Amino acid sequence: MGPATAWIAPTLGCVLGICRHFIATREVLAVRNKRELGDLNPLPFAATILNCSGWIVYTVLVRNWYIFCTDCPGLLCSIWMTFSLYPYASHRVQNQLNAFIILTAALWCMLAVATMILQQYSTQQAVISLWGWAVSITQVLLMASPLSGLLNAWKQRSSANFHLGVCLMGLISSCMWAIYAVTDKNLFLAIPSFLGGLLSCASLLVCFVFPRTIPPRPTQQLQEQTRTAENAIEMG
């Protein structure tokens, strides 16, 4: 294992991962100042709480400082963002956040019980595998949200919801973690890293293929059709 894969790749992945956690800081501060949620969705930040907290437990078991230093700031940042946005969310979104956080706590409690059972009747490697598969599968499932965003972008033929710099940062970060995971023979880290890289590639493709135009809402389309019809009547 050379220095490029031993510490350069995970260090770059760690730095980029921390930067990605703090990307939405400006938007969250704007919501706190305006006291209006607007179009910002707090659910992804709650999902980050689930993801980062699981990886922190896994890193404690395997003593991996790179992943720990990435997800510890992510956990703190996502908790702050979630509870900063909570008071300004609608009642429906607040209920969704409540349910998600309770389910997160319930999931970790069940895994804690399974961990104690494995520690008594099995090996430490079984405990590591339990948490490794849990966090890997959880992160893959949480990728359904950006995947739905990609499908909507293809459907609307617009990249307005994608930022080229963020997508490029995600691709480089995923590549660094994938290189480190393959070198370290860590399947639990490799699976979400490769899938995250594929999603970042698809996001970059959307940025290059489709313009950053905001698709008109149905009311705007109706108004445009009405104006077109009125102009046609005037010209006729």
C-alpha atoms as a PDB file:
ATOM      1  CA  MET A   1       0.000   0.000   0.000  1.00  0.00           C
ATOM      2  CA  GLY A   2       1.648   3.224  -1.180  1.00  0.00           C
ATOM      3  CA  PRO A   3       1.271   6.666   0.396  1.00  0.00           C
ATOM      4  CA  ALA A   4      -1.189   7.750  -2.304  1.00  0.00           C
ATOM      5  CA  THR A   5      -3.669   5.080  -1.266  1.00  0.00           C
ATOM      6  CA  ALA A   6      -2.628   4.753   2.379  1.00  0.00           C
ATOM      7  CA  TRP A   7      -3.242   8.319   3.501  1.00  0.00           C
ATOM      8  CA  ILE A   8      -3.470  10.792   0.595  1.00  0.00           C
ATOM      9  CA  ALA A   9      -6.718   9.395  -0.859  1.00  0.00           C
ATOM     10  CA  PRO A  10      -8.574   9.057   2.483  1.00  0.00           C
ATOM     11  CA  THR A  11      -7.311  12.463   3.630  1.00  0.00           C
ATOM     12  CA  LEU A  12      -8.679  14.138   0.494  1.00  0.00           C
ATOM     13  CA  GLY A  13     -11.905  12.175   0.884  1.00  0.00           C
ATOM     14  CA  CYS A  14     -12.130  13.301   4.502  1.00  0.00           C
ATOM     15  CA  VAL A  15     -11.595  16.986   3.690  1.00  0.00           C
ATOM     16  CA  LEU A  16     -14.084  16.953   0.803  1.00  0.00           C
ATOM     17  CA  GLY A  17     -16.590  15.007   2.903  1.00  0.00           C
ATOM     18  CA  ILE A  18     -16.440  17.616   5.667  1.00  0.00           C
ATOM     19  CA  CYS A  19     -16.876  20.407   3.106  1.00  0.00           C
ATOM     20  CA  ARG A  20     -19.964  18.692   1.691  1.00  0.00           C
ATOM     21  CA  HIS A  21     -21.539  18.521   5.155  1.00  0.00           C
ATOM     22  CA  PHE A  22     -21.299  22.312   5.503  1.00  0.00           C
ATOM     23  CA  ILE A  23     -22.421  23.244   1.971  1.00  0.00           C
ATOM     24  CA  ALA A  24     -25.967  24.166   3.040  1.00  0.00           C
ATOM     25  CA  THR A  25     -24.853  26.361   5.968  1.00  0.00           C
ATOM     26  CA  ARG A  26     -25.654  29.604   4.130  1.00  0.00           C
ATOM     27  CA  GLU A  27     -29.175  28.423   3.264  1.00  0.00           C
ATOM     28  CA  VAL A  28     -29.844  27.329   6.853  1.00  0.00           C
ATOM     29  CA  LEU A  29     -28.644  30.667   8.231  1.00  0.00           C
ATOM     30  CA  ALA A  30     -30.888  32.452   5.726  1.00  0.00           C
ATOM     31  CA  VAL A  31     -33.883  30.456   6.989  1.00  0.00           C
ATOM     32  CA  ARG A  32     -33.035  31.350  10.583  1.00  0.00           C
ATOM     33  CA  ASN A  33     -32.833  35.045   9.670  1.00  0.00           C
ATOM     34  CA  LYS A  34     -36.014  35.120   7.572  1.00  0.00           C
ATOM     35  CA  ARG A  35     -37.874  32.676   9.845  1.00  0.00           C
ATOM     36  CA  GLU A  36     -39.287  31.038   6.720  1.00  0.00           C
ATOM     37  CA  LEU A  37     -38.348  27.589   5.428  1.00  0.00           C
ATOM     38  CA  GLY A  38     -39.042  28.322   1.779  1.00  0.00           C
ATOM     39  CA  ASP A  39     -38.027  25.495  -0.573  1.00  0.00           C
ATOM     40  CA  LEU A  40     -35.344  24.047   1.723  1.00  0.00           C
ATOM     41  CA  ASN A  41     -36.102  20.446   2.710  1.00  0.00           C
ATOM     42  CA  PRO A  42     -34.914  19.484   6.228  1.00  0.00           C
ATOM     43  CA  LEU A  43     -35.411  15.727   5.733  1.00  0.00           C
ATOM     44  CA  PRO A  44     -31.988  15.107   4.083  1.00  0.00           C
ATOM     45  CA  PHE A  45     -30.300  16.620   7.142  1.00  0.00           C
ATOM     46  CA  ALA A  46     -32.181  14.205   9.399  1.00  0.00           C
ATOM     47  CA  ALA A  47     -31.066  11.384   7.106  1.00  0.00           C
ATOM     48  CA  THR A  48     -27.479  12.559   7.563  1.00  0.00           C
ATOM     49  CA  ILE A  49     -27.903  12.140  11.333  1.00  0.00           C
ATOM     50  CA  LEU A  50     -28.793   8.491  10.729  1.00  0.00           C
ATOM     51  CA  ASN A  51     -25.928   7.972   8.303  1.00  0.00           C
ATOM     52  CA  CYS A  52     -23.159   9.715  10.254  1.00  0.00           C
ATOM     53  CA  SER A  53     -24.085   8.264  13.649  1.00  0.00           C
ATOM     54  CA  GLY A  54     -23.951   4.734  12.224  1.00  0.00           C
ATOM     55  CA  TRP A  55     -20.566   5.278  10.606  1.00  0.00           C
ATOM     56  CA  ILE A  56     -19.184   6.704  13.862  1.00  0.00           C
ATOM     57  CA  VAL A  57     -20.086   3.504  15.719  1.00  0.00           C
ATOM     58  CA  TYR A  58     -18.505   1.459  12.931  1.00  0.00           C
ATOM     59  CA  THR A  59     -15.303   3.521  13.010  1.00  0.00           C
ATOM     60  CA  VAL A  60     -14.979   3.046  16.764  1.00  0.00           C
ATOM     61  CA  LEU A  61     -15.128  -0.720  16.216  1.00  0.00           C
ATOM     62  CA  VAL A  62     -12.517  -0.741  13.432  1.00  0.00           C
ATOM     63  CA  ARG A  63     -10.479   2.245  14.744  1.00  0.00           C
ATOM     64  CA  ASN A  64     -10.568   4.173  11.477  1.00  0.00           C
ATOM     65  CA  TRP A  65      -9.735   7.831  12.070  1.00  0.00           C
ATOM     66  CA  TYR A  66     -10.379   8.922   8.487  1.00  0.00           C
ATOM     67  CA  ILE A  67     -14.051   7.951   8.508  1.00  0.00           C
ATOM     68  CA  PHE A  68     -14.471   9.191  12.076  1.00  0.00           C
ATOM     69  CA  CYS A  69     -13.045  12.627  11.262  1.00  0.00           C
ATOM     70  CA  THR A  70     -15.426  12.855   8.305  1.00  0.00           C
ATOM     71  CA  ASP A  71     -18.641  11.801  10.006  1.00  0.00           C
ATOM     72  CA  CYS A  72     -18.183  13.394  13.433  1.00  0.00           C
ATOM     73  CA  PRO A  73     -18.432  16.972  12.048  1.00  0.00           C
ATOM     74  CA  GLY A  74     -21.193  15.733   9.749  1.00  0.00           C
ATOM     75  CA  LEU A  75     -23.219  14.461  12.704  1.00  0.00           C
ATOM     76  CA  LEU A  76     -22.852  17.708  14.650  1.00  0.00           C
ATOM     77  CA  CYS A  77     -23.630  19.839  11.594  1.00  0.00           C
ATOM     78  CA  SER A  78     -26.684  17.791  10.572  1.00  0.00           C
ATOM     79  CA  ILE A  79     -28.128  17.932  14.110  1.00  0.00           C
ATOM     80  CA  TRP A  80     -27.717  21.717  14.147  1.00  0.00           C
ATOM     81  CA  MET A  81     -29.262  22.097  10.689  1.00  0.00           C
ATOM     82  CA  THR A  82     -32.188  19.779  11.433  1.00  0.00           C
ATOM     83  CA  PHE A  83     -33.199  21.523  14.648  1.00  0.00           C
ATOM     84  CA  SER A  84     -32.564  24.963  13.143  1.00  0.00           C
ATOM     85  CA  LEU A  85     -35.081  24.226  10.386  1.00  0.00           C
ATOM     86  CA  TYR A  86     -37.578  22.296  12.518  1.00  0.00           C
ATOM     87  CA  PRO A  87     -39.500  25.315  13.956  1.00  0.00           C
ATOM     88  CA  TYR A  88     -40.133  26.726  10.474  1.00  0.00           C
ATOM     89  CA  ALA A  89     -41.265  23.482   8.846  1.00  0.00           C
ATOM     90  CA  SER A  90     -44.900  22.658   8.183  1.00  0.00           C
ATOM     91  CA  HIS A  91     -46.803  20.404  10.569  1.00  0.00           C
ATOM     92  CA  ARG A  92     -46.558  17.520   8.096  1.00  0.00           C
ATOM     93  CA  VAL A  93     -42.783  17.888   7.726  1.00  0.00           C
ATOM     94  CA  GLN A  94     -42.383  18.155  11.507  1.00  0.00           C
ATOM     95  CA  ASN A  95     -44.248  14.863  11.899  1.00  0.00           C
ATOM     96  CA  GLN A  96     -41.973  13.293   9.282  1.00  0.00           C
ATOM     97  CA  LEU A  97     -38.893  14.536  11.125  1.00  0.00           C
ATOM     98  CA  ASN A  98     -40.225  13.211  14.432  1.00  0.00           C
ATOM     99  CA  ALA A  99     -40.923   9.805  12.907  1.00  0.00           C
ATOM    100  CA  PHE A 100     -37.531   9.655  11.190  1.00  0.00           C
ATOM    101  CA  ILE A 101     -35.570  10.503  14.337  1.00  0.00           C
ATOM    102  CA  ILE A 102     -37.566   8.016  16.427  1.00  0.00           C
ATOM    103  CA  LEU A 103     -37.006   5.292  13.814  1.00  0.00           C
ATOM    104  CA  THR A 104     -33.295   6.129  13.809  1.00  0.00           C
ATOM    105  CA  ALA A 105     -33.103   5.723  17.589  1.00  0.00           C
ATOM    106  CA  ALA A 106     -35.122   2.484  17.412  1.00  0.00           C
ATOM    107  CA  LEU A 107     -32.817   1.069  14.727  1.00  0.00           C
ATOM    108  CA  TRP A 108     -29.674   1.792  16.722  1.00  0.00           C
ATOM    109  CA  CYS A 109     -31.262   0.345  19.872  1.00  0.00           C
ATOM    110  CA  MET A 110     -32.009  -2.907  18.036  1.00  0.00           C
ATOM    111  CA  LEU A 111     -28.468  -3.004  16.682  1.00  0.00           C
ATOM    112  CA  ALA A 112     -27.149  -2.369  20.198  1.00  0.00           C
ATOM    113  CA  VAL A 113     -29.082  -5.403  21.483  1.00  0.00           C
ATOM    114  CA  ALA A 114     -27.752  -7.513  18.604  1.00  0.00           C
ATOM    115  CA  THR A 115     -24.242  -6.247  19.370  1.00  0.00           C
ATOM    116  CA  MET A 116     -24.445  -7.339  23.016  1.00  0.00           C
ATOM    117  CA  ILE A 117     -25.696 -10.772  21.962  1.00  0.00           C
ATOM    118  CA  LEU A 118     -22.877 -11.176  19.442  1.00  0.00           C
ATOM    119  CA  GLN A 119     -20.291 -10.013  21.976  1.00  0.00           C
ATOM    120  CA  GLN A 120     -21.421 -12.752  24.333  1.00  0.00           C
ATOM    121  CA  TYR A 121     -21.907 -15.627  21.908  1.00  0.00           C
ATOM    122  CA  SER A 122     -19.791 -14.742  18.865  1.00  0.00           C
ATOM    123  CA  THR A 123     -16.644 -12.859  17.824  1.00  0.00           C
ATOM    124  CA  GLN A 124     -15.644  -9.211  17.465  1.00  0.00           C
ATOM    125  CA  GLN A 125     -15.521  -9.665  13.694  1.00  0.00           C
ATOM    126  CA  ALA A 126     -19.216 -10.589  13.740  1.00  0.00           C
ATOM    127  CA  VAL A 127     -19.977  -7.315  15.525  1.00  0.00           C
ATOM    128  CA  ILE A 128     -17.949  -5.375  12.948  1.00  0.00           C
ATOM    129  CA  SER A 129     -19.772  -7.125  10.105  1.00  0.00           C
ATOM    130  CA  LEU A 130     -23.146  -6.354  11.692  1.00  0.00           C
ATOM    131  CA  TRP A 131     -22.463  -2.621  11.872  1.00  0.00           C
ATOM    132  CA  GLY A 132     -20.612  -2.588   8.562  1.00  0.00           C
ATOM    133  CA  TRP A 133     -23.545  -4.032   6.653  1.00  0.00           C
ATOM    134  CA  ALA A 134     -25.990  -1.858   8.608  1.00  0.00           C
ATOM    135  CA  VAL A 135     -24.293   1.439   7.732  1.00  0.00           C
ATOM    136  CA  SER A 136     -23.491   0.388   4.168  1.00  0.00           C
ATOM    137  CA  ILE A 137     -27.071  -0.666   3.385  1.00  0.00           C
ATOM    138  CA  THR A 138     -28.443   2.413   5.156  1.00  0.00           C
ATOM    139  CA  GLN A 139     -26.320   4.756   3.053  1.00  0.00           C
ATOM    140  CA  VAL A 140     -27.335   2.950  -0.141  1.00  0.00           C
ATOM    141  CA  LEU A 141     -31.018   3.293   0.787  1.00  0.00           C
ATOM    142  CA  LEU A 142     -30.559   6.990   1.519  1.00  0.00           C
ATOM    143  CA  MET A 143     -29.261   7.421  -2.038  1.00  0.00           C
ATOM    144  CA  ALA A 144     -32.856   7.020  -3.229  1.00  0.00           C
ATOM    145  CA  SER A 145     -33.396  10.744  -2.619  1.00  0.00           C
ATOM    146  CA  PRO A 146     -30.667  12.021  -5.002  1.00  0.00           C
ATOM    147  CA  LEU A 147     -31.705   9.324  -7.463  1.00  0.00           C
ATOM    148  CA  SER A 148     -35.258  10.680  -7.523  1.00  0.00           C
ATOM    149  CA  GLY A 149     -33.793  14.161  -8.043  1.00  0.00           C
ATOM    150  CA  LEU A 150     -31.878  12.863 -11.059  1.00  0.00           C
ATOM    151  CA  LEU A 151     -35.013  11.322 -12.530  1.00  0.00           C
ATOM    152  CA  ASN A 152     -36.903  14.595 -12.075  1.00  0.00           C
ATOM    153  CA  ALA A 153     -34.062  16.486 -13.755  1.00  0.00           C
ATOM    154  CA  TRP A 154     -34.181  14.180 -16.770  1.00  0.00           C
ATOM    155  CA  LYS A 155     -37.956  14.498 -16.876  1.00  0.00           C
ATOM    156  CA  GLN A 156     -37.900  18.310 -16.686  1.00  0.00           C
ATOM    157  CA  ARG A 157     -34.812  18.663 -18.912  1.00  0.00           C
ATOM    158  CA  SER A 158     -33.311  21.090 -16.392  1.00  0.00           C
ATOM    159  CA  SER A 159     -30.234  21.118 -14.152  1.00  0.00           C
ATOM    160  CA  ALA A 160     -31.481  24.019 -12.008  1.00  0.00           C
ATOM    161  CA  ASN A 161     -31.325  21.905  -8.838  1.00  0.00           C
ATOM    162  CA  PHE A 162     -27.742  20.769  -9.452  1.00  0.00           C
ATOM    163  CA  HIS A 163     -24.557  22.693  -8.754  1.00  0.00           C
ATOM    164  CA  LEU A 164     -21.580  21.781 -10.923  1.00  0.00           C
ATOM    165  CA  GLY A 165     -19.034  22.384  -8.157  1.00  0.00           C
ATOM    166  CA  VAL A 166     -20.937  20.275  -5.633  1.00  0.00           C
ATOM    167  CA  CYS A 167     -21.338  17.412  -8.120  1.00  0.00           C
ATOM    168  CA  LEU A 168     -17.640  17.538  -8.997  1.00  0.00           C
ATOM    169  CA  MET A 169     -16.715  17.579  -5.310  1.00  0.00           C
ATOM    170  CA  GLY A 170     -18.935  14.551  -4.736  1.00  0.00           C
ATOM    171  CA  LEU A 171     -17.303  12.659  -7.608  1.00  0.00           C
ATOM    172  CA  ILE A 172     -13.757  13.346  -6.393  1.00  0.00           C
ATOM    173  CA  SER A 173     -14.699  12.465  -2.811  1.00  0.00           C
ATOM    174  CA  SER A 174     -16.335   9.186  -3.881  1.00  0.00           C
ATOM    175  CA  CYS A 175     -13.307   8.294  -6.007  1.00  0.00           C
ATOM    176  CA  MET A 176     -10.928   8.918  -3.108  1.00  0.00           C
ATOM    177  CA  TRP A 177     -12.982   6.773  -0.739  1.00  0.00           C
ATOM    178  CA  ALA A 178     -13.372   4.052  -3.379  1.00  0.00           C
ATOM    179  CA  ILE A 179      -9.594   3.921  -3.922  1.00  0.00           C
ATOM    180  CA  TYR A 180      -9.027   3.709  -0.176  1.00  0.00           C
ATOM    181  CA  ALA A 181     -11.744   1.068   0.263  1.00  0.00           C
ATOM    182  CA  VAL A 182     -10.341  -1.161  -2.487  1.00  0.00           C
ATOM    183  CA  THR A 183      -6.804  -0.838  -1.127  1.00  0.00           C
ATOM    184  CA  ASP A 184      -7.982  -1.507   2.426  1.00  0.00           C
ATOM    185  CA  LYS A 185     -10.256  -4.336   1.187  1.00  0.00           C
ATOM    186  CA  ASN A 186     -13.213  -2.747   2.957  1.00  0.00           C
ATOM    187  CA  LEU A 187     -16.392  -3.909   1.240  1.00  0.00           C
ATOM    188  CA  PHE A 188     -18.647  -1.886   3.549  1.00  0.00           C
ATOM    189  CA  LEU A 189     -17.000   1.362   2.462  1.00  0.00           C
ATOM    190  CA  ALA A 190     -16.541   0.350  -1.173  1.00  0.00           C
ATOM    191  CA  ILE A 191     -20.232  -0.278  -1.948  1.00  0.00           C
ATOM    192  CA  PRO A 192     -21.588   3.207  -1.061  1.00  0.00           C
ATOM    193  CA  SER A 193     -18.448   4.864  -2.467  1.00  0.00           C
ATOM    194  CA  PHE A 194     -18.872   3.285  -5.899  1.00  0.00           C
ATOM    195  CA  LEU A 195     -22.616   3.985  -5.965  1.00  0.00           C
ATOM    196  CA  GLY A 196     -22.015   7.559  -4.822  1.00  0.00           C
ATOM    197  CA  GLY A 197     -19.492   7.984  -7.620  1.00  0.00           C
ATOM    198  CA  LEU A 198     -22.007   6.737 -10.178  1.00  0.00           C
ATOM    199  CA  LEU A 199     -24.637   9.179  -8.887  1.00  0.00           C
ATOM    200  CA  SER A 200     -22.116  12.023  -9.057  1.00  0.00           C
ATOM    201  CA  CYS A 201     -21.237  11.081 -12.654  1.00  0.00           C
ATOM    202  CA  ALA A 202     -24.930  11.089 -13.551  1.00  0.00           C
ATOM    203  CA  SER A 203     -25.357  14.479 -11.847  1.00  0.00           C
ATOM    204  CA  LEU A 204     -22.425  15.923 -13.800  1.00  0.00           C
ATOM    205  CA  LEU A 205     -23.956  14.578 -17.004  1.00  0.00           C
ATOM    206  CA  VAL A 206     -27.203  16.372 -16.158  1.00  0.00           C
ATOM    207  CA  CYS A 207     -25.266  19.606 -15.556  1.00  0.00           C
ATOM    208  CA  PHE A 208     -23.561  19.397 -18.950  1.00  0.00           C
ATOM    209  CA  VAL A 209     -26.550  18.169 -20.991  1.00  0.00           C
ATOM    210  CA  PHE A 210     -29.380  20.298 -19.623  1.00  0.00           C
ATOM    211  CA  PRO A 211     -29.373  24.084 -19.030  1.00  0.00           C
ATOM    212  CA  ARG A 212     -29.742  25.624 -15.582  1.00  0.00           C
ATOM    213  CA  THR A 213     -33.236  26.893 -16.324  1.00  0.00           C
ATOM    214  CA  ILE A 214     -35.971  26.694 -13.757  1.00  0.00           C
ATOM    215  CA  PRO A 215     -38.934  24.851 -15.301  1.00  0.00           C
ATOM    216  CA  PRO A 216     -42.142  26.894 -15.161  1.00  0.00           C
ATOM    217  CA  ARG A 217     -44.716  25.877 -12.625  1.00  0.00           C
ATOM    218  CA  PRO A 218     -48.185  24.784 -13.783  1.00  0.00           C
ATOM    219  CA  THR A 219     -49.639  28.202 -12.918  1.00  0.00           C
ATOM    220  CA  GLN A 220     -46.921  29.917 -14.918  1.00  0.00           C
ATOM    221  CA  GLN A 221     -47.528  27.600 -17.859  1.00  0.00           C
ATOM    222  CA  LEU A 222     -51.252  28.357 -17.696  1.00  0.00           C
ATOM    223  CA  GLN A 223     -50.579  32.103 -17.626  1.00  0.00           C
ATOM    224  CA  GLU A 224     -48.240  31.811 -20.608  1.00  0.00           C
ATOM    225  CA  GLN A 225     -50.828  29.808 -22.540  1.00  0.00           C
ATOM    226  CA  THR A 226     -53.468  32.410 -21.689  1.00  0.00           C
ATOM    227  CA  ARG A 227     -51.234  35.261 -22.861  1.00  0.00           C
ATOM    228  CA  THR A 228     -50.445  33.364 -26.062  1.00  0.00           C
ATOM    229  CA  ALA A 229     -54.135  32.817 -26.731  1.00  0.00           C
ATOM    230  CA  GLU A 230     -54.910  36.494 -26.052  1.00  0.00           C
ATOM    231  CA  ASN A 231     -52.152  37.585 -28.416  1.00  0.00           C
ATOM    232  CA  ALA A 232     -53.469  35.243 -31.074  1.00  0.00           C
ATOM    233  CA  ILE A 233     -56.966  36.677 -30.682  1.00  0.00           C
ATOM    234  CA  GLU A 234     -55.641  40.238 -30.912  1.00  0.00           C
ATOM    235  CA  MET A 235     -53.633  39.398 -34.025  1.00  0.00           C
ATOM    236  CA  GLY A 236     -56.563  37.557 -35.582  1.00  0.00           C
END
